[in-house]
Amino acid sequence: MKLSKILSIATICAIALSANASERITLKAAKSTSSYYQMAVQIGEDVSKASNKDLSVTIEESQGSVQNVKEVKKRKGNYVFTTPPALIGLAKNKKAMFKNDNPEDYAKIRSLFPIPYLTMHMVVRADSGIKTFSDLKGKSLLIGKGSFGAKEAKKYIELFGLKDDVKLIGAELSGAVTALKNGQIDGFATSGSYPAPNVIEASASDKIRLLSMTDEQIAKTKRDKIIIPAGTYTGVDEDVETTTLPVGVYTTTNMSEETAYKLTKAFWESKPQLEKQNIWWKAITFKNLNMFKTKLHKGALKYYMEVNATIPQSLK
């Protein structure tokens, strides 16, 4: 076979492979037992379909939002992650858990699109006698470790004057439901959009109660108030007042404008399907772009301008 013919065949094969190749994206979300991991899986599947498989999303389990942000320092290529906007602010200002980091490492973070917000759940056994936070005195509360929810729960216990009165357990949340059922703990704290999978599991296997916060307690947390409607979980027949925090999907300037555009477009075009999979997606609209404090990726901005979304000037 002539060399020219061999080269021609090779060229055709290369073009064919290129046409079928998907842009690979890594989405780092949360622990596999959380609602945010479930959301990430839904996003990955539906974005792939909406982009005609131009995008291939790999989901990675995470210890929580803090880890997601910190990995920006070492990740290359199409790294995508979820986190509350507040953590990015801390990272860029060298505060709290980022006090030993270089703020410049986080300067390349860019916003893409919002997802359902974090909702704090304080879950206890119904027969534990715990009806309010003050009843947690002398009790044990599993809060997990390394996650935003764990830090938030610890903060609340201190804010509510219970610092030395509650035994906080920093074990993995994956074992919380079993530990609660077996009486090894009195309760557990978890953060995730409702209905949260691990709370659904807990309510299905045992009678539980969710602790409500008073308006005064919510004010102390400096978080927004949210109500988990009665009947969201089996046996929880009254509204639960708790706290919420916005959550978004982010990437870095390592991602190309074209890929960010495709990803953002595919997400919003797949939202009707996401809503069919879970009710929590219905709360997300273009209005939620106001939650972002970090500039939009140029590719995401291009999409929002195309659909005439209202974009805060600070994000452009």
C-alpha atoms as a PDB file:
ATOM      1  CA  MET A   1       0.000   0.000   0.000  1.00  0.00           C
ATOM      2  CA  LYS A   2       1.365   3.433  -0.932  1.00  0.00           C
ATOM      3  CA  LEU A   3       2.461   5.746   1.856  1.00  0.00           C
ATOM      4  CA  SER A   4       0.097   8.491   0.653  1.00  0.00           C
ATOM      5  CA  LYS A   5      -2.853   6.100   0.887  1.00  0.00           C
ATOM      6  CA  ILE A   6      -1.843   4.994   4.383  1.00  0.00           C
ATOM      7  CA  LEU A   7      -1.627   8.636   5.465  1.00  0.00           C
ATOM      8  CA  SER A   8      -5.051   9.354   3.999  1.00  0.00           C
ATOM      9  CA  ILE A   9      -6.620   6.477   5.914  1.00  0.00           C
ATOM     10  CA  ALA A  10      -4.897   7.634   9.092  1.00  0.00           C
ATOM     11  CA  THR A  11      -6.201  11.164   8.565  1.00  0.00           C
ATOM     12  CA  ILE A  12      -9.772   9.935   8.062  1.00  0.00           C
ATOM     13  CA  CYS A  13      -9.567   7.825  11.216  1.00  0.00           C
ATOM     14  CA  ALA A  14      -8.209  10.755  13.218  1.00  0.00           C
ATOM     15  CA  ILE A  15     -11.040  13.003  12.043  1.00  0.00           C
ATOM     16  CA  ALA A  16     -13.620  10.330  12.898  1.00  0.00           C
ATOM     17  CA  LEU A  17     -12.199   9.845  16.376  1.00  0.00           C
ATOM     18  CA  SER A  18     -12.102  13.584  16.926  1.00  0.00           C
ATOM     19  CA  ALA A  19     -15.744  13.923  15.883  1.00  0.00           C
ATOM     20  CA  ASN A  20     -16.799  11.258  18.371  1.00  0.00           C
ATOM     21  CA  ALA A  21     -14.613  12.472  21.224  1.00  0.00           C
ATOM     22  CA  SER A  22     -16.325  13.974  24.269  1.00  0.00           C
ATOM     23  CA  GLU A  23     -14.934  16.849  26.283  1.00  0.00           C
ATOM     24  CA  ARG A  24     -14.129  15.349  29.676  1.00  0.00           C
ATOM     25  CA  ILE A  25     -15.206  17.167  32.831  1.00  0.00           C
ATOM     26  CA  THR A  26     -14.620  16.194  36.462  1.00  0.00           C
ATOM     27  CA  LEU A  27     -17.363  17.264  38.870  1.00  0.00           C
ATOM     28  CA  LYS A  28     -16.400  17.023  42.539  1.00  0.00           C
ATOM     29  CA  ALA A  29     -19.455  17.217  44.735  1.00  0.00           C
ATOM     30  CA  ALA A  30     -19.932  15.686  48.182  1.00  0.00           C
ATOM     31  CA  LYS A  31     -20.131  12.429  50.110  1.00  0.00           C
ATOM     32  CA  SER A  32     -21.914   9.605  48.334  1.00  0.00           C
ATOM     33  CA  THR A  33     -24.669   9.529  50.974  1.00  0.00           C
ATOM     34  CA  SER A  34     -25.565  13.189  50.493  1.00  0.00           C
ATOM     35  CA  SER A  35     -28.155  14.949  48.381  1.00  0.00           C
ATOM     36  CA  TYR A  36     -25.377  16.885  46.647  1.00  0.00           C
ATOM     37  CA  TYR A  37     -23.752  13.738  45.359  1.00  0.00           C
ATOM     38  CA  GLN A  38     -27.131  12.648  44.026  1.00  0.00           C
ATOM     39  CA  MET A  39     -27.518  16.056  42.359  1.00  0.00           C
ATOM     40  CA  ALA A  40     -24.084  15.736  40.786  1.00  0.00           C
ATOM     41  CA  VAL A  41     -24.990  12.354  39.316  1.00  0.00           C
ATOM     42  CA  GLN A  42     -28.201  13.833  37.905  1.00  0.00           C
ATOM     43  CA  ILE A  43     -26.305  16.795  36.435  1.00  0.00           C
ATOM     44  CA  GLY A  44     -23.701  14.508  34.874  1.00  0.00           C
ATOM     45  CA  GLU A  45     -26.230  12.250  33.201  1.00  0.00           C
ATOM     46  CA  ASP A  46     -28.559  14.981  31.953  1.00  0.00           C
ATOM     47  CA  VAL A  47     -25.816  17.349  30.797  1.00  0.00           C
ATOM     48  CA  SER A  48     -24.334  14.554  28.710  1.00  0.00           C
ATOM     49  CA  LYS A  49     -27.707  13.966  27.052  1.00  0.00           C
ATOM     50  CA  ALA A  50     -28.449  17.662  26.555  1.00  0.00           C
ATOM     51  CA  SER A  51     -25.053  18.211  24.905  1.00  0.00           C
ATOM     52  CA  ASN A  52     -25.546  15.233  22.583  1.00  0.00           C
ATOM     53  CA  LYS A  53     -22.694  13.579  24.473  1.00  0.00           C
ATOM     54  CA  ASP A  54     -20.267  16.374  23.551  1.00  0.00           C
ATOM     55  CA  LEU A  55     -19.581  16.553  27.286  1.00  0.00           C
ATOM     56  CA  SER A  56     -18.626  13.576  29.430  1.00  0.00           C
ATOM     57  CA  VAL A  57     -18.941  14.243  33.170  1.00  0.00           C
ATOM     58  CA  THR A  58     -17.152  12.110  35.760  1.00  0.00           C
ATOM     59  CA  ILE A  59     -18.462  12.451  39.320  1.00  0.00           C
ATOM     60  CA  GLU A  60     -15.993  12.374  42.197  1.00  0.00           C
ATOM     61  CA  GLU A  61     -16.958  11.846  45.827  1.00  0.00           C
ATOM     62  CA  SER A  62     -15.702  14.502  48.223  1.00  0.00           C
ATOM     63  CA  GLN A  63     -15.362  15.067  51.955  1.00  0.00           C
ATOM     64  CA  GLY A  64     -17.183  18.356  51.503  1.00  0.00           C
ATOM     65  CA  SER A  65     -17.085  21.884  50.125  1.00  0.00           C
ATOM     66  CA  VAL A  66     -13.864  22.868  51.891  1.00  0.00           C
ATOM     67  CA  GLN A  67     -11.965  20.079  50.131  1.00  0.00           C
ATOM     68  CA  ASN A  68     -13.572  21.031  46.815  1.00  0.00           C
ATOM     69  CA  VAL A  69     -12.273  24.591  47.046  1.00  0.00           C
ATOM     70  CA  LYS A  70      -8.820  23.597  48.287  1.00  0.00           C
ATOM     71  CA  GLU A  71      -8.316  21.248  45.337  1.00  0.00           C
ATOM     72  CA  VAL A  72      -8.402  24.236  42.996  1.00  0.00           C
ATOM     73  CA  LYS A  73      -4.725  24.702  43.896  1.00  0.00           C
ATOM     74  CA  LYS A  74      -3.654  21.482  42.213  1.00  0.00           C
ATOM     75  CA  ARG A  75      -6.337  20.669  39.649  1.00  0.00           C
ATOM     76  CA  LYS A  76      -5.801  21.259  35.948  1.00  0.00           C
ATOM     77  CA  GLY A  77      -8.161  21.117  32.984  1.00  0.00           C
ATOM     78  CA  ASN A  78     -11.942  20.936  33.337  1.00  0.00           C
ATOM     79  CA  TYR A  79     -12.279  20.791  37.123  1.00  0.00           C
ATOM     80  CA  VAL A  80     -15.824  21.624  38.276  1.00  0.00           C
ATOM     81  CA  PHE A  81     -16.972  21.680  41.896  1.00  0.00           C
ATOM     82  CA  THR A  82     -19.806  22.656  44.229  1.00  0.00           C
ATOM     83  CA  THR A  83     -19.521  24.976  47.211  1.00  0.00           C
ATOM     84  CA  PRO A  84     -21.325  27.780  49.054  1.00  0.00           C
ATOM     85  CA  PRO A  85     -20.130  31.224  47.832  1.00  0.00           C
ATOM     86  CA  ALA A  86     -19.034  32.083  51.379  1.00  0.00           C
ATOM     87  CA  LEU A  87     -16.178  29.561  51.277  1.00  0.00           C
ATOM     88  CA  ILE A  88     -14.719  31.092  48.140  1.00  0.00           C
ATOM     89  CA  GLY A  89     -14.782  34.451  49.883  1.00  0.00           C
ATOM     90  CA  LEU A  90     -12.841  32.980  52.804  1.00  0.00           C
ATOM     91  CA  ALA A  91     -10.307  31.382  50.436  1.00  0.00           C
ATOM     92  CA  LYS A  92      -9.690  34.619  48.549  1.00  0.00           C
ATOM     93  CA  ASN A  93      -9.254  36.538  51.795  1.00  0.00           C
ATOM     94  CA  LYS A  94      -7.023  33.989  53.559  1.00  0.00           C
ATOM     95  CA  LYS A  95      -9.466  33.398  56.401  1.00  0.00           C
ATOM     96  CA  ALA A  96     -10.583  30.491  58.613  1.00  0.00           C
ATOM     97  CA  MET A  97      -9.659  27.115  57.120  1.00  0.00           C
ATOM     98  CA  PHE A  98      -7.780  28.885  54.294  1.00  0.00           C
ATOM     99  CA  LYS A  99      -5.589  31.052  56.529  1.00  0.00           C
ATOM    100  CA  ASN A 100      -2.412  29.183  55.554  1.00  0.00           C
ATOM    101  CA  ASP A 101      -3.129  29.211  51.810  1.00  0.00           C
ATOM    102  CA  ASN A 102      -2.062  31.640  49.117  1.00  0.00           C
ATOM    103  CA  PRO A 103      -5.129  33.673  48.005  1.00  0.00           C
ATOM    104  CA  GLU A 104      -3.684  33.887  44.497  1.00  0.00           C
ATOM    105  CA  ASP A 105      -4.336  30.153  44.099  1.00  0.00           C
ATOM    106  CA  TYR A 106      -8.059  30.892  44.204  1.00  0.00           C
ATOM    107  CA  ALA A 107      -8.093  33.932  41.911  1.00  0.00           C
ATOM    108  CA  LYS A 108      -8.862  31.741  38.890  1.00  0.00           C
ATOM    109  CA  ILE A 109     -12.216  30.467  40.279  1.00  0.00           C
ATOM    110  CA  ARG A 110     -15.244  31.350  38.137  1.00  0.00           C
ATOM    111  CA  SER A 111     -19.012  30.812  38.568  1.00  0.00           C
ATOM    112  CA  LEU A 112     -21.169  28.647  36.303  1.00  0.00           C
ATOM    113  CA  PHE A 113     -24.691  28.042  37.625  1.00  0.00           C
ATOM    114  CA  PRO A 114     -26.612  27.718  40.923  1.00  0.00           C
ATOM    115  CA  ILE A 115     -27.969  24.484  42.385  1.00  0.00           C
ATOM    116  CA  PRO A 116     -30.406  23.798  45.265  1.00  0.00           C
ATOM    117  CA  TYR A 117     -29.288  25.353  48.522  1.00  0.00           C
ATOM    118  CA  LEU A 118     -27.789  23.700  51.607  1.00  0.00           C
ATOM    119  CA  THR A 119     -30.332  23.036  54.337  1.00  0.00           C
ATOM    120  CA  MET A 120     -29.231  22.120  57.850  1.00  0.00           C
ATOM    121  CA  HIS A 121     -30.902  19.027  59.328  1.00  0.00           C
ATOM    122  CA  MET A 122     -30.589  18.167  63.015  1.00  0.00           C
ATOM    123  CA  VAL A 123     -31.926  14.610  63.252  1.00  0.00           C
ATOM    124  CA  VAL A 124     -32.702  12.838  66.546  1.00  0.00           C
ATOM    125  CA  ARG A 125     -34.538   9.680  67.545  1.00  0.00           C
ATOM    126  CA  ALA A 126     -38.189  10.408  68.322  1.00  0.00           C
ATOM    127  CA  ASP A 127     -37.900   8.496  71.620  1.00  0.00           C
ATOM    128  CA  SER A 128     -34.770  10.344  72.737  1.00  0.00           C
ATOM    129  CA  GLY A 129     -36.701  13.022  74.606  1.00  0.00           C
ATOM    130  CA  ILE A 130     -34.940  15.683  72.554  1.00  0.00           C
ATOM    131  CA  LYS A 131     -37.404  18.304  71.325  1.00  0.00           C
ATOM    132  CA  THR A 132     -35.292  21.463  71.321  1.00  0.00           C
ATOM    133  CA  PHE A 133     -31.588  22.274  71.114  1.00  0.00           C
ATOM    134  CA  SER A 134     -31.407  22.749  74.888  1.00  0.00           C
ATOM    135  CA  ASP A 135     -32.493  19.107  75.237  1.00  0.00           C
ATOM    136  CA  LEU A 136     -29.217  18.071  73.587  1.00  0.00           C
ATOM    137  CA  LYS A 137     -27.422  18.607  76.905  1.00  0.00           C
ATOM    138  CA  GLY A 138     -25.732  15.370  77.917  1.00  0.00           C
ATOM    139  CA  LYS A 139     -26.490  13.793  74.526  1.00  0.00           C
ATOM    140  CA  SER A 140     -24.329  12.709  71.599  1.00  0.00           C
ATOM    141  CA  LEU A 141     -24.490  14.247  68.138  1.00  0.00           C
ATOM    142  CA  LEU A 142     -22.629  12.847  65.125  1.00  0.00           C
ATOM    143  CA  ILE A 143     -21.639  15.763  62.881  1.00  0.00           C
ATOM    144  CA  GLY A 144     -19.270  14.121  60.386  1.00  0.00           C
ATOM    145  CA  LYS A 145     -15.849  15.525  59.620  1.00  0.00           C
ATOM    146  CA  GLY A 146     -14.270  17.870  57.123  1.00  0.00           C
ATOM    147  CA  SER A 147     -17.539  19.005  55.583  1.00  0.00           C
ATOM    148  CA  PHE A 148     -19.270  22.356  55.686  1.00  0.00           C
ATOM    149  CA  GLY A 149     -22.151  20.727  57.556  1.00  0.00           C
ATOM    150  CA  ALA A 150     -19.828  19.481  60.292  1.00  0.00           C
ATOM    151  CA  LYS A 151     -18.341  22.930  60.844  1.00  0.00           C
ATOM    152  CA  GLU A 152     -21.772  24.535  60.738  1.00  0.00           C
ATOM    153  CA  ALA A 153     -23.219  22.106  63.301  1.00  0.00           C
ATOM    154  CA  LYS A 154     -20.293  22.657  65.671  1.00  0.00           C
ATOM    155  CA  LYS A 155     -20.730  26.406  65.318  1.00  0.00           C
ATOM    156  CA  TYR A 156     -24.437  26.196  66.152  1.00  0.00           C
ATOM    157  CA  ILE A 157     -23.814  24.127  69.268  1.00  0.00           C
ATOM    158  CA  GLU A 158     -21.389  26.802  70.486  1.00  0.00           C
ATOM    159  CA  LEU A 159     -23.655  29.712  69.500  1.00  0.00           C
ATOM    160  CA  PHE A 160     -26.582  28.181  71.366  1.00  0.00           C
ATOM    161  CA  GLY A 161     -24.561  27.880  74.590  1.00  0.00           C
ATOM    162  CA  LEU A 162     -24.069  24.116  74.448  1.00  0.00           C
ATOM    163  CA  LYS A 163     -20.324  23.918  73.774  1.00  0.00           C
ATOM    164  CA  ASP A 164     -19.377  21.725  76.733  1.00  0.00           C
ATOM    165  CA  ASP A 165     -22.732  20.001  77.118  1.00  0.00           C
ATOM    166  CA  VAL A 166     -23.022  17.986  73.893  1.00  0.00           C
ATOM    167  CA  LYS A 167     -20.740  15.144  72.853  1.00  0.00           C
ATOM    168  CA  LEU A 168     -19.847  15.908  69.233  1.00  0.00           C
ATOM    169  CA  ILE A 169     -18.726  12.894  67.221  1.00  0.00           C
ATOM    170  CA  GLY A 170     -16.557  13.505  64.171  1.00  0.00           C
ATOM    171  CA  ALA A 171     -17.137  10.130  62.516  1.00  0.00           C
ATOM    172  CA  GLU A 172     -18.135   9.691  58.878  1.00  0.00           C
ATOM    173  CA  LEU A 173     -21.773  10.495  58.142  1.00  0.00           C
ATOM    174  CA  SER A 174     -22.075   7.298  56.100  1.00  0.00           C
ATOM    175  CA  GLY A 175     -22.567   5.407  59.361  1.00  0.00           C
ATOM    176  CA  ALA A 176     -24.943   7.905  60.986  1.00  0.00           C
ATOM    177  CA  VAL A 177     -28.241   6.211  60.119  1.00  0.00           C
ATOM    178  CA  THR A 178     -27.117   2.810  61.404  1.00  0.00           C
ATOM    179  CA  ALA A 179     -25.637   4.348  64.553  1.00  0.00           C
ATOM    180  CA  LEU A 180     -28.883   6.224  65.214  1.00  0.00           C
ATOM    181  CA  LYS A 181     -31.001   3.113  64.693  1.00  0.00           C
ATOM    182  CA  ASN A 182     -28.783   1.039  67.003  1.00  0.00           C
ATOM    183  CA  GLY A 183     -28.860   3.656  69.742  1.00  0.00           C
ATOM    184  CA  GLN A 184     -25.136   4.394  69.499  1.00  0.00           C
ATOM    185  CA  ILE A 185     -25.847   8.094  69.049  1.00  0.00           C
ATOM    186  CA  ASP A 186     -28.749  10.338  69.999  1.00  0.00           C
ATOM    187  CA  GLY A 187     -28.734  12.289  66.770  1.00  0.00           C
ATOM    188  CA  PHE A 188     -26.788  13.486  63.756  1.00  0.00           C
ATOM    189  CA  ALA A 189     -26.374  16.707  61.801  1.00  0.00           C
ATOM    190  CA  THR A 190     -26.255  16.859  58.049  1.00  0.00           C
ATOM    191  CA  SER A 191     -26.401  19.596  55.420  1.00  0.00           C
ATOM    192  CA  GLY A 192     -28.018  19.051  52.058  1.00  0.00           C
ATOM    193  CA  SER A 193     -31.032  20.115  50.062  1.00  0.00           C
ATOM    194  CA  TYR A 194     -34.229  18.567  51.264  1.00  0.00           C
ATOM    195  CA  PRO A 195     -35.306  15.856  50.924  1.00  0.00           C
ATOM    196  CA  ALA A 196     -31.839  14.598  51.939  1.00  0.00           C
ATOM    197  CA  PRO A 197     -31.216  10.897  51.120  1.00  0.00           C
ATOM    198  CA  ASN A 198     -29.696  10.003  54.502  1.00  0.00           C
ATOM    199  CA  VAL A 199     -32.595  11.646  56.360  1.00  0.00           C
ATOM    200  CA  ILE A 200     -35.078   9.803  54.136  1.00  0.00           C
ATOM    201  CA  GLU A 201     -33.277   6.580  55.041  1.00  0.00           C
ATOM    202  CA  ALA A 202     -33.339   7.411  58.752  1.00  0.00           C
ATOM    203  CA  SER A 203     -37.074   8.227  58.727  1.00  0.00           C
ATOM    204  CA  ALA A 204     -37.853   5.025  56.828  1.00  0.00           C
ATOM    205  CA  SER A 205     -36.047   2.787  59.300  1.00  0.00           C
ATOM    206  CA  ASP A 206     -36.916   4.485  62.594  1.00  0.00           C
ATOM    207  CA  LYS A 207     -39.057   7.247  64.081  1.00  0.00           C
ATOM    208  CA  ILE A 208     -37.174  10.511  64.004  1.00  0.00           C
ATOM    209  CA  ARG A 209     -37.610  14.162  64.878  1.00  0.00           C
ATOM    210  CA  LEU A 210     -36.032  17.204  63.200  1.00  0.00           C
ATOM    211  CA  LEU A 211     -35.105  20.040  65.543  1.00  0.00           C
ATOM    212  CA  SER A 212     -36.480  23.472  64.700  1.00  0.00           C
ATOM    213  CA  MET A 213     -34.590  26.678  65.430  1.00  0.00           C
ATOM    214  CA  THR A 214     -36.142  29.778  66.929  1.00  0.00           C
ATOM    215  CA  ASP A 215     -35.883  33.072  65.063  1.00  0.00           C
ATOM    216  CA  GLU A 216     -33.375  34.208  67.686  1.00  0.00           C
ATOM    217  CA  GLN A 217     -31.185  31.149  67.071  1.00  0.00           C
ATOM    218  CA  ILE A 218     -31.343  31.600  63.303  1.00  0.00           C
ATOM    219  CA  ALA A 219     -30.306  35.245  63.698  1.00  0.00           C
ATOM    220  CA  LYS A 220     -27.244  34.126  65.684  1.00  0.00           C
ATOM    221  CA  THR A 221     -26.136  31.827  62.849  1.00  0.00           C
ATOM    222  CA  LYS A 222     -26.219  34.716  60.339  1.00  0.00           C
ATOM    223  CA  ARG A 223     -27.804  32.339  57.828  1.00  0.00           C
ATOM    224  CA  ASP A 224     -31.086  32.577  55.966  1.00  0.00           C
ATOM    225  CA  LYS A 225     -34.208  30.895  57.287  1.00  0.00           C
ATOM    226  CA  ILE A 226     -35.889  28.059  55.427  1.00  0.00           C
ATOM    227  CA  ILE A 227     -38.867  25.873  56.265  1.00  0.00           C
ATOM    228  CA  ILE A 228     -38.838  22.142  55.579  1.00  0.00           C
ATOM    229  CA  PRO A 229     -42.543  21.414  54.986  1.00  0.00           C
ATOM    230  CA  ALA A 230     -44.413  18.915  57.138  1.00  0.00           C
ATOM    231  CA  GLY A 231     -44.538  15.503  55.500  1.00  0.00           C
ATOM    232  CA  THR A 232     -41.214  15.871  53.694  1.00  0.00           C
ATOM    233  CA  TYR A 233     -39.942  12.951  55.780  1.00  0.00           C
ATOM    234  CA  THR A 234     -41.898   9.978  57.097  1.00  0.00           C
ATOM    235  CA  GLY A 235     -43.276  10.692  60.556  1.00  0.00           C
ATOM    236  CA  VAL A 236     -42.220  14.345  60.613  1.00  0.00           C
ATOM    237  CA  ASP A 237     -45.671  15.903  60.548  1.00  0.00           C
ATOM    238  CA  GLU A 238     -44.866  19.518  61.321  1.00  0.00           C
ATOM    239  CA  ASP A 239     -42.945  22.290  59.582  1.00  0.00           C
ATOM    240  CA  VAL A 240     -39.301  22.522  60.588  1.00  0.00           C
ATOM    241  CA  GLU A 241     -37.592  25.920  60.763  1.00  0.00           C
ATOM    242  CA  THR A 242     -33.884  25.752  60.037  1.00  0.00           C
ATOM    243  CA  THR A 243     -31.093  27.496  58.131  1.00  0.00           C
ATOM    244  CA  THR A 244     -30.063  27.517  54.503  1.00  0.00           C
ATOM    245  CA  LEU A 245     -27.048  28.599  52.490  1.00  0.00           C
ATOM    246  CA  PRO A 246     -26.714  29.155  48.724  1.00  0.00           C
ATOM    247  CA  VAL A 247     -24.651  26.662  46.723  1.00  0.00           C
ATOM    248  CA  GLY A 248     -23.222  27.028  43.258  1.00  0.00           C
ATOM    249  CA  VAL A 249     -21.250  25.134  40.651  1.00  0.00           C
ATOM    250  CA  TYR A 250     -17.854  26.592  39.850  1.00  0.00           C
ATOM    251  CA  THR A 251     -14.857  25.970  37.627  1.00  0.00           C
ATOM    252  CA  THR A 252     -11.608  27.829  36.911  1.00  0.00           C
ATOM    253  CA  THR A 253     -10.128  29.800  34.052  1.00  0.00           C
ATOM    254  CA  ASN A 254      -8.400  26.565  32.997  1.00  0.00           C
ATOM    255  CA  MET A 255     -11.686  25.646  31.307  1.00  0.00           C
ATOM    256  CA  SER A 256     -12.112  27.017  27.807  1.00  0.00           C
ATOM    257  CA  GLU A 257     -14.849  29.504  26.974  1.00  0.00           C
ATOM    258  CA  GLU A 258     -16.420  27.023  24.558  1.00  0.00           C
ATOM    259  CA  THR A 259     -16.593  24.232  27.153  1.00  0.00           C
ATOM    260  CA  ALA A 260     -18.006  26.515  29.850  1.00  0.00           C
ATOM    261  CA  TYR A 261     -20.621  27.741  27.382  1.00  0.00           C
ATOM    262  CA  LYS A 262     -21.624  24.195  26.430  1.00  0.00           C
ATOM    263  CA  LEU A 263     -21.778  23.070  30.066  1.00  0.00           C
ATOM    264  CA  THR A 264     -23.887  26.015  31.207  1.00  0.00           C
ATOM    265  CA  LYS A 265     -26.222  25.726  28.227  1.00  0.00           C
ATOM    266  CA  ALA A 266     -26.616  21.970  28.704  1.00  0.00           C
ATOM    267  CA  PHE A 267     -27.426  22.418  32.396  1.00  0.00           C
ATOM    268  CA  TRP A 268     -30.246  24.901  31.835  1.00  0.00           C
ATOM    269  CA  GLU A 269     -31.637  22.963  28.880  1.00  0.00           C
ATOM    270  CA  SER A 270     -31.704  19.808  30.996  1.00  0.00           C
ATOM    271  CA  LYS A 271     -33.436  21.489  33.971  1.00  0.00           C
ATOM    272  CA  PRO A 272     -36.971  20.346  32.975  1.00  0.00           C
ATOM    273  CA  GLN A 273     -35.701  16.772  33.080  1.00  0.00           C
ATOM    274  CA  LEU A 274     -33.936  17.395  36.384  1.00  0.00           C
ATOM    275  CA  GLU A 275     -37.208  18.682  37.844  1.00  0.00           C
ATOM    276  CA  LYS A 276     -38.884  15.416  36.890  1.00  0.00           C
ATOM    277  CA  GLN A 277     -36.190  13.527  38.781  1.00  0.00           C
ATOM    278  CA  ASN A 278     -36.428  15.575  41.976  1.00  0.00           C
ATOM    279  CA  ILE A 279     -38.566  18.448  43.219  1.00  0.00           C
ATOM    280  CA  TRP A 280     -35.620  20.402  44.623  1.00  0.00           C
ATOM    281  CA  TRP A 281     -34.617  21.579  41.121  1.00  0.00           C
ATOM    282  CA  LYS A 282     -37.779  23.648  40.677  1.00  0.00           C
ATOM    283  CA  ALA A 283     -36.478  26.308  43.039  1.00  0.00           C
ATOM    284  CA  ILE A 284     -33.549  27.136  40.756  1.00  0.00           C
ATOM    285  CA  THR A 285     -34.056  29.964  38.238  1.00  0.00           C
ATOM    286  CA  PHE A 286     -31.947  32.693  36.635  1.00  0.00           C
ATOM    287  CA  LYS A 287     -32.859  34.858  39.646  1.00  0.00           C
ATOM    288  CA  ASN A 288     -30.532  32.697  41.744  1.00  0.00           C
ATOM    289  CA  LEU A 289     -27.550  34.141  39.879  1.00  0.00           C
ATOM    290  CA  ASN A 290     -27.690  36.909  42.501  1.00  0.00           C
ATOM    291  CA  MET A 291     -26.182  34.488  45.022  1.00  0.00           C
ATOM    292  CA  PHE A 292     -22.817  34.463  43.258  1.00  0.00           C
ATOM    293  CA  LYS A 293     -20.016  36.672  44.569  1.00  0.00           C
ATOM    294  CA  THR A 294     -17.431  35.473  42.029  1.00  0.00           C
ATOM    295  CA  LYS A 295     -17.349  36.525  38.376  1.00  0.00           C
ATOM    296  CA  LEU A 296     -18.995  34.241  35.857  1.00  0.00           C
ATOM    297  CA  HIS A 297     -16.791  32.254  33.515  1.00  0.00           C
ATOM    298  CA  LYS A 298     -16.736  33.960  30.117  1.00  0.00           C
ATOM    299  CA  GLY A 299     -18.428  30.939  28.552  1.00  0.00           C
ATOM    300  CA  ALA A 300     -21.238  30.994  31.127  1.00  0.00           C
ATOM    301  CA  LEU A 301     -21.632  34.766  30.708  1.00  0.00           C
ATOM    302  CA  LYS A 302     -21.989  34.280  26.953  1.00  0.00           C
ATOM    303  CA  TYR A 303     -24.891  31.872  27.484  1.00  0.00           C
ATOM    304  CA  TYR A 304     -26.695  34.098  30.000  1.00  0.00           C
ATOM    305  CA  MET A 305     -26.420  37.072  27.653  1.00  0.00           C
ATOM    306  CA  GLU A 306     -27.840  34.979  24.789  1.00  0.00           C
ATOM    307  CA  VAL A 307     -30.954  34.116  26.814  1.00  0.00           C
ATOM    308  CA  ASN A 308     -31.292  37.673  28.171  1.00  0.00           C
ATOM    309  CA  ALA A 309     -30.903  36.638  31.805  1.00  0.00           C
ATOM    310  CA  THR A 310     -30.554  39.464  34.313  1.00  0.00           C
ATOM    311  CA  ILE A 311     -26.885  39.435  35.293  1.00  0.00           C
ATOM    312  CA  PRO A 312     -25.548  41.438  38.256  1.00  0.00           C
ATOM    313  CA  GLN A 313     -22.844  43.840  37.051  1.00  0.00           C
ATOM    314  CA  SER A 314     -20.399  42.416  39.600  1.00  0.00           C
ATOM    315  CA  LEU A 315     -20.468  39.027  37.824  1.00  0.00           C
ATOM    316  CA  LYS A 316     -19.537  40.295  34.366  1.00  0.00           C
END
